[in-house]
Amino acid sequence: MKKTRRKIDAALKAKIALEALREQSTVTDLAQRYQVHVNQIYAWKKQRQDQAIRAFDAGGECQKFCVRAPL
C-alpha cells in the first residue's frame, strides 16, 4: 500500500515559521507538535526571514505599489 504525502497549507507553514522565529520553544518541540521534520521548519523559517527582508528593502516590490499617506 502506497502512503500519500501530507500537504501542509501556506497558513500553517507561516504559523510554524513565525513560532520558530519567536524562539519561545525549540525547533525540535515544534517539529514534534506539528509532526514535520526539523529541516523543513528551518527552511520555512529562512523563507519567512527572506520575505520580511524584501518587504522592507528600498528597491522591493512594496515600494512600487504601496500607497503612502498624505503629509
PDB file of N, CA and C in Angstrom:
ATOM      1  N   MET A   1       0.838  -1.179   0.000  1.00  0.00           N
ATOM      2  CA  MET A   1       0.000   0.000   0.000  1.00  0.00           C
ATOM      3  C   MET A   1       0.886   1.246   0.000  1.00  0.00           C
ATOM      4  N   LYS A   2       0.535   2.195  -0.849  1.00  0.00           N
ATOM      5  CA  LYS A   2       1.322   3.402  -1.007  1.00  0.00           C
ATOM      6  C   LYS A   2       0.832   4.481  -0.042  1.00  0.00           C
ATOM      7  N   LYS A   3       1.771   5.105   0.657  1.00  0.00           N
ATOM      8  CA  LYS A   3       1.424   6.166   1.599  1.00  0.00           C
ATOM      9  C   LYS A   3       1.446   7.513   0.866  1.00  0.00           C
ATOM     10  N   THR A   4       0.383   8.279   1.002  1.00  0.00           N
ATOM     11  CA  THR A   4       0.329   9.579   0.345  1.00  0.00           C
ATOM     12  C   THR A   4       1.041  10.622   1.200  1.00  0.00           C
ATOM     13  N   ARG A   5       1.588  11.613   0.537  1.00  0.00           N
ATOM     14  CA  ARG A   5       2.300  12.672   1.230  1.00  0.00           C
ATOM     15  C   ARG A   5       1.318  13.640   1.868  1.00  0.00           C
ATOM     16  N   ARG A   6       1.684  14.139   3.008  1.00  0.00           N
ATOM     17  CA  ARG A   6       0.859  15.109   3.716  1.00  0.00           C
ATOM     18  C   ARG A   6       1.064  16.484   3.089  1.00  0.00           C
ATOM     19  N   LYS A   7      -0.020  17.184   2.801  1.00  0.00           N
ATOM     20  CA  LYS A   7       0.055  18.520   2.226  1.00  0.00           C
ATOM     21  C   LYS A   7      -0.245  19.533   3.320  1.00  0.00           C
ATOM     22  N   ILE A   8       0.687  20.454   3.520  1.00  0.00           N
ATOM     23  CA  ILE A   8       0.545  21.467   4.559  1.00  0.00           C
ATOM     24  C   ILE A   8       0.247  22.794   3.874  1.00  0.00           C
ATOM     25  N   ASP A   9      -0.834  23.441   4.272  1.00  0.00           N
ATOM     26  CA  ASP A   9      -1.210  24.685   3.616  1.00  0.00           C
ATOM     27  C   ASP A   9      -0.300  25.835   4.061  1.00  0.00           C
ATOM     28  N   ALA A  10      -0.321  26.905   3.288  1.00  0.00           N
ATOM     29  CA  ALA A  10       0.578  28.035   3.498  1.00  0.00           C
ATOM     30  C   ALA A  10       0.352  28.709   4.846  1.00  0.00           C
ATOM     31  N   ALA A  11      -0.878  28.762   5.311  1.00  0.00           N
ATOM     32  CA  ALA A  11      -1.165  29.405   6.597  1.00  0.00           C
ATOM     33  C   ALA A  11      -0.493  28.665   7.751  1.00  0.00           C
ATOM     34  N   LEU A  12      -0.526  27.338   7.703  1.00  0.00           N
ATOM     35  CA  LEU A  12       0.113  26.559   8.757  1.00  0.00           C
ATOM     36  C   LEU A  12       1.632  26.688   8.672  1.00  0.00           C
ATOM     37  N   LYS A  13       2.184  26.708   7.472  1.00  0.00           N
ATOM     38  CA  LYS A  13       3.620  26.893   7.308  1.00  0.00           C
ATOM     39  C   LYS A  13       4.048  28.234   7.898  1.00  0.00           C
ATOM     40  N   ALA A  14       3.285  29.280   7.610  1.00  0.00           N
ATOM     41  CA  ALA A  14       3.604  30.610   8.133  1.00  0.00           C
ATOM     42  C   ALA A  14       3.518  30.634   9.652  1.00  0.00           C
ATOM     43  N   LYS A  15       2.521  29.970  10.200  1.00  0.00           N
ATOM     44  CA  LYS A  15       2.352  29.918  11.652  1.00  0.00           C
ATOM     45  C   LYS A  15       3.535  29.212  12.312  1.00  0.00           C
ATOM     46  N   ILE A  16       3.950  28.086  11.741  1.00  0.00           N
ATOM     47  CA  ILE A  16       5.069  27.331  12.293  1.00  0.00           C
ATOM     48  C   ILE A  16       6.360  28.146  12.178  1.00  0.00           C
ATOM     49  N   ALA A  17       6.567  28.782  11.039  1.00  0.00           N
ATOM     50  CA  ALA A  17       7.773  29.592  10.847  1.00  0.00           C
ATOM     51  C   ALA A  17       7.814  30.757  11.825  1.00  0.00           C
ATOM     52  N   LEU A  18       6.679  31.384  12.048  1.00  0.00           N
ATOM     53  CA  LEU A  18       6.624  32.502  12.984  1.00  0.00           C
ATOM     54  C   LEU A  18       6.919  32.036  14.409  1.00  0.00           C
ATOM     55  N   GLU A  19       6.394  30.887  14.784  1.00  0.00           N
ATOM     56  CA  GLU A  19       6.694  30.335  16.102  1.00  0.00           C
ATOM     57  C   GLU A  19       8.180  30.023  16.230  1.00  0.00           C
ATOM     58  N   ALA A  20       8.789  29.551  15.160  1.00  0.00           N
ATOM     59  CA  ALA A  20      10.223  29.259  15.188  1.00  0.00           C
ATOM     60  C   ALA A  20      11.033  30.546  15.312  1.00  0.00           C
ATOM     61  N   LEU A  21      10.583  31.608  14.659  1.00  0.00           N
ATOM     62  CA  LEU A  21      11.275  32.891  14.757  1.00  0.00           C
ATOM     63  C   LEU A  21      11.163  33.494  16.153  1.00  0.00           C
ATOM     64  N   ARG A  22      10.058  33.288  16.811  1.00  0.00           N
ATOM     65  CA  ARG A  22       9.860  33.826  18.159  1.00  0.00           C
ATOM     66  C   ARG A  22      10.754  33.153  19.189  1.00  0.00           C
ATOM     67  N   GLU A  23      11.176  31.927  18.893  1.00  0.00           N
ATOM     68  CA  GLU A  23      12.078  31.152  19.747  1.00  0.00           C
ATOM     69  C   GLU A  23      11.548  30.956  21.164  1.00  0.00           C
ATOM     70  N   GLN A  24      10.232  30.838  21.306  1.00  0.00           N
ATOM     71  CA  GLN A  24       9.644  30.556  22.615  1.00  0.00           C
ATOM     72  C   GLN A  24       9.699  29.068  22.923  1.00  0.00           C
ATOM     73  N   SER A  25       9.804  28.257  21.885  1.00  0.00           N
ATOM     74  CA  SER A  25      10.005  26.820  22.059  1.00  0.00           C
ATOM     75  C   SER A  25      11.031  26.379  21.017  1.00  0.00           C
ATOM     76  N   THR A  26      11.646  25.251  21.253  1.00  0.00           N
ATOM     77  CA  THR A  26      12.697  24.792  20.348  1.00  0.00           C
ATOM     78  C   THR A  26      12.095  24.287  19.042  1.00  0.00           C
ATOM     79  N   VAL A  27      12.933  24.240  18.024  1.00  0.00           N
ATOM     80  CA  VAL A  27      12.500  23.738  16.726  1.00  0.00           C
ATOM     81  C   VAL A  27      12.125  22.261  16.845  1.00  0.00           C
ATOM     82  N   THR A  28      12.833  21.552  17.686  1.00  0.00           N
ATOM     83  CA  THR A  28      12.520  20.142  17.912  1.00  0.00           C
ATOM     84  C   THR A  28      11.122  19.984  18.505  1.00  0.00           C
ATOM     85  N   ASP A  29      10.776  20.844  19.454  1.00  0.00           N
ATOM     86  CA  ASP A  29       9.427  20.799  20.038  1.00  0.00           C
ATOM     87  C   ASP A  29       8.366  21.104  18.992  1.00  0.00           C
ATOM     88  N   LEU A  30       8.632  22.108  18.161  1.00  0.00           N
ATOM     89  CA  LEU A  30       7.682  22.451  17.105  1.00  0.00           C
ATOM     90  C   LEU A  30       7.518  21.302  16.120  1.00  0.00           C
ATOM     91  N   ALA A  31       8.621  20.647  15.780  1.00  0.00           N
ATOM     92  CA  ALA A  31       8.570  19.522  14.845  1.00  0.00           C
ATOM     93  C   ALA A  31       7.731  18.383  15.400  1.00  0.00           C
ATOM     94  N   GLN A  32       7.874  18.112  16.674  1.00  0.00           N
ATOM     95  CA  GLN A  32       7.072  17.057  17.291  1.00  0.00           C
ATOM     96  C   GLN A  32       5.606  17.452  17.382  1.00  0.00           C
ATOM     97  N   ARG A  33       5.351  18.709  17.739  1.00  0.00           N
ATOM     98  CA  ARG A  33       3.970  19.168  17.901  1.00  0.00           C
ATOM     99  C   ARG A  33       3.201  19.142  16.580  1.00  0.00           C
ATOM    100  N   TYR A  34       3.857  19.587  15.499  1.00  0.00           N
ATOM    101  CA  TYR A  34       3.183  19.671  14.200  1.00  0.00           C
ATOM    102  C   TYR A  34       3.478  18.488  13.291  1.00  0.00           C
ATOM    103  N   GLN A  35       4.285  17.543  13.762  1.00  0.00           N
ATOM    104  CA  GLN A  35       4.624  16.328  13.027  1.00  0.00           C
ATOM    105  C   GLN A  35       5.233  16.626  11.659  1.00  0.00           C
ATOM    106  N   VAL A  36       6.241  17.497  11.661  1.00  0.00           N
ATOM    107  CA  VAL A  36       7.018  17.797  10.463  1.00  0.00           C
ATOM    108  C   VAL A  36       8.492  17.634  10.806  1.00  0.00           C
ATOM    109  N   HIS A  37       9.328  17.551   9.785  1.00  0.00           N
ATOM    110  CA  HIS A  37      10.760  17.364  10.014  1.00  0.00           C
ATOM    111  C   HIS A  37      11.410  18.689  10.419  1.00  0.00           C
ATOM    112  N   VAL A  38      12.410  18.603  11.259  1.00  0.00           N
ATOM    113  CA  VAL A  38      13.122  19.777  11.759  1.00  0.00           C
ATOM    114  C   VAL A  38      13.698  20.607  10.611  1.00  0.00           C
ATOM    115  N   ASN A  39      14.290  19.939   9.616  1.00  0.00           N
ATOM    116  CA  ASN A  39      14.867  20.659   8.481  1.00  0.00           C
ATOM    117  C   ASN A  39      13.818  21.460   7.720  1.00  0.00           C
ATOM    118  N   GLN A  40      12.600  20.956   7.668  1.00  0.00           N
ATOM    119  CA  GLN A  40      11.528  21.668   6.982  1.00  0.00           C
ATOM    120  C   GLN A  40      11.194  22.960   7.727  1.00  0.00           C
ATOM    121  N   ILE A  41      11.193  22.916   9.041  1.00  0.00           N
ATOM    122  CA  ILE A  41      10.915  24.123   9.827  1.00  0.00           C
ATOM    123  C   ILE A  41      12.013  25.159   9.610  1.00  0.00           C
ATOM    124  N   TYR A  42      13.269  24.708   9.586  1.00  0.00           N
ATOM    125  CA  TYR A  42      14.363  25.641   9.324  1.00  0.00           C
ATOM    126  C   TYR A  42      14.220  26.283   7.948  1.00  0.00           C
ATOM    127  N   ALA A  43      13.783  25.529   6.961  1.00  0.00           N
ATOM    128  CA  ALA A  43      13.600  26.068   5.612  1.00  0.00           C
ATOM    129  C   ALA A  43      12.477  27.111   5.591  1.00  0.00           C
ATOM    130  N   TRP A  44      11.363  26.817   6.251  1.00  0.00           N
ATOM    131  CA  TRP A  44      10.245  27.774   6.312  1.00  0.00           C
ATOM    132  C   TRP A  44      10.648  29.026   7.072  1.00  0.00           C
ATOM    133  N   LYS A  45      11.433  28.848   8.121  1.00  0.00           N
ATOM    134  CA  LYS A  45      11.913  29.987   8.916  1.00  0.00           C
ATOM    135  C   LYS A  45      12.780  30.903   8.053  1.00  0.00           C
ATOM    136  N   LYS A  46      13.671  30.304   7.265  1.00  0.00           N
ATOM    137  CA  LYS A  46      14.537  31.087   6.382  1.00  0.00           C
ATOM    138  C   LYS A  46      13.721  31.813   5.317  1.00  0.00           C
ATOM    139  N   GLN A  47      12.724  31.136   4.749  1.00  0.00           N
ATOM    140  CA  GLN A  47      11.861  31.772   3.749  1.00  0.00           C
ATOM    141  C   GLN A  47      11.129  32.965   4.349  1.00  0.00           C
ATOM    142  N   ARG A  48      10.654  32.807   5.556  1.00  0.00           N
ATOM    143  CA  ARG A  48       9.919  33.891   6.227  1.00  0.00           C
ATOM    144  C   ARG A  48      10.843  35.085   6.478  1.00  0.00           C
ATOM    145  N   GLN A  49      12.070  34.816   6.886  1.00  0.00           N
ATOM    146  CA  GLN A  49      13.027  35.901   7.108  1.00  0.00           C
ATOM    147  C   GLN A  49      13.359  36.612   5.800  1.00  0.00           C
ATOM    148  N   ASP A  50      13.555  35.849   4.734  1.00  0.00           N
ATOM    149  CA  ASP A  50      13.860  36.445   3.435  1.00  0.00           C
ATOM    150  C   ASP A  50      12.709  37.319   2.941  1.00  0.00           C
ATOM    151  N   GLN A  51      11.486  36.879   3.144  1.00  0.00           N
ATOM    152  CA  GLN A  51      10.328  37.660   2.725  1.00  0.00           C
ATOM    153  C   GLN A  51      10.205  38.940   3.536  1.00  0.00           C
ATOM    154  N   ALA A  52      10.526  38.875   4.818  1.00  0.00           N
ATOM    155  CA  ALA A  52      10.467  40.066   5.663  1.00  0.00           C
ATOM    156  C   ALA A  52      11.525  41.075   5.231  1.00  0.00           C
ATOM    157  N   ILE A  53      12.690  40.598   4.887  1.00  0.00           N
ATOM    158  CA  ILE A  53      13.755  41.494   4.431  1.00  0.00           C
ATOM    159  C   ILE A  53      13.340  42.185   3.140  1.00  0.00           C
ATOM    160  N   ARG A  54      12.770  41.428   2.205  1.00  0.00           N
ATOM    161  CA  ARG A  54      12.316  42.011   0.937  1.00  0.00           C
ATOM    162  C   ARG A  54      11.204  43.032   1.140  1.00  0.00           C
ATOM    163  N   ALA A  55      10.364  42.838   2.134  1.00  0.00           N
ATOM    164  CA  ALA A  55       9.258  43.758   2.375  1.00  0.00           C
ATOM    165  C   ALA A  55       9.758  45.138   2.787  1.00  0.00           C
ATOM    166  N   PHE A  56      10.898  45.175   3.472  1.00  0.00           N
ATOM    167  CA  PHE A  56      11.428  46.444   3.952  1.00  0.00           C
ATOM    168  C   PHE A  56      12.582  46.962   3.103  1.00  0.00           C
ATOM    169  N   ASP A  57      12.928  46.247   2.054  1.00  0.00           N
ATOM    170  CA  ASP A  57      14.007  46.648   1.179  1.00  0.00           C
ATOM    171  C   ASP A  57      13.569  47.864   0.363  1.00  0.00           C
ATOM    172  N   ALA A  58      14.453  48.837   0.190  1.00  0.00           N
ATOM    173  CA  ALA A  58      14.114  50.076  -0.524  1.00  0.00           C
ATOM    174  C   ALA A  58      13.762  49.817  -1.985  1.00  0.00           C
ATOM    175  N   GLY A  59      14.342  48.794  -2.607  1.00  0.00           N
ATOM    176  CA  GLY A  59      14.066  48.505  -4.007  1.00  0.00           C
ATOM    177  C   GLY A  59      13.025  47.426  -4.188  1.00  0.00           C
ATOM    178  N   GLY A  60      12.338  47.051  -3.113  1.00  0.00           N
ATOM    179  CA  GLY A  60      11.383  45.956  -3.167  1.00  0.00           C
ATOM    180  C   GLY A  60      10.095  46.313  -3.880  1.00  0.00           C
ATOM    181  N   GLU A  61       9.294  45.315  -4.137  1.00  0.00           N
ATOM    182  CA  GLU A  61       8.021  45.486  -4.840  1.00  0.00           C
ATOM    183  C   GLU A  61       7.067  46.394  -4.071  1.00  0.00           C
ATOM    184  N   CYS A  62       7.133  46.362  -2.768  1.00  0.00           N
ATOM    185  CA  CYS A  62       6.202  47.161  -1.967  1.00  0.00           C
ATOM    186  C   CYS A  62       6.381  48.646  -2.246  1.00  0.00           C
ATOM    187  N   GLN A  63       7.594  49.072  -2.492  1.00  0.00           N
ATOM    188  CA  GLN A  63       7.856  50.478  -2.746  1.00  0.00           C
ATOM    189  C   GLN A  63       7.159  50.949  -4.021  1.00  0.00           C
ATOM    190  N   LYS A  64       6.979  50.058  -4.970  1.00  0.00           N
ATOM    191  CA  LYS A  64       6.345  50.421  -6.229  1.00  0.00           C
ATOM    192  C   LYS A  64       4.828  50.500  -6.113  1.00  0.00           C
ATOM    193  N   PHE A  65       4.240  49.652  -5.248  1.00  0.00           N
ATOM    194  CA  PHE A  65       2.794  49.522  -5.237  1.00  0.00           C
ATOM    195  C   PHE A  65       2.127  50.000  -3.940  1.00  0.00           C
ATOM    196  N   CYS A  66       2.887  50.255  -2.900  1.00  0.00           N
ATOM    197  CA  CYS A  66       2.297  50.649  -1.621  1.00  0.00           C
ATOM    198  C   CYS A  66       1.756  52.071  -1.711  1.00  0.00           C
ATOM    199  N   VAL A  67       0.641  52.280  -1.054  1.00  0.00           N
ATOM    200  CA  VAL A  67       0.021  53.600  -1.014  1.00  0.00           C
ATOM    201  C   VAL A  67       0.589  54.347   0.190  1.00  0.00           C
ATOM    202  N   ARG A  68       0.998  55.567  -0.040  1.00  0.00           N
ATOM    203  CA  ARG A  68       1.572  56.367   1.047  1.00  0.00           C
ATOM    204  C   ARG A  68       0.513  57.349   1.540  1.00  0.00           C
ATOM    205  N   ALA A  69       0.531  57.582   2.837  1.00  0.00           N
ATOM    206  CA  ALA A  69      -0.411  58.527   3.430  1.00  0.00           C
ATOM    207  C   ALA A  69       0.034  59.951   3.084  1.00  0.00           C
ATOM    208  N   PRO A  70      -0.913  60.830   2.816  1.00  0.00           N
ATOM    209  CA  PRO A  70      -0.554  62.231   2.500  1.00  0.00           C
ATOM    210  C   PRO A  70       0.035  62.901   3.744  1.00  0.00           C
ATOM    211  N   LEU A  71       0.979  63.803   3.504  1.00  0.00           N
ATOM    212  CA  LEU A  71       1.619  64.513   4.622  1.00  0.00           C
ATOM    213  C   LEU A  71       0.803  65.680   5.088  1.00  0.00           C
TER     214      LEU A  71
END
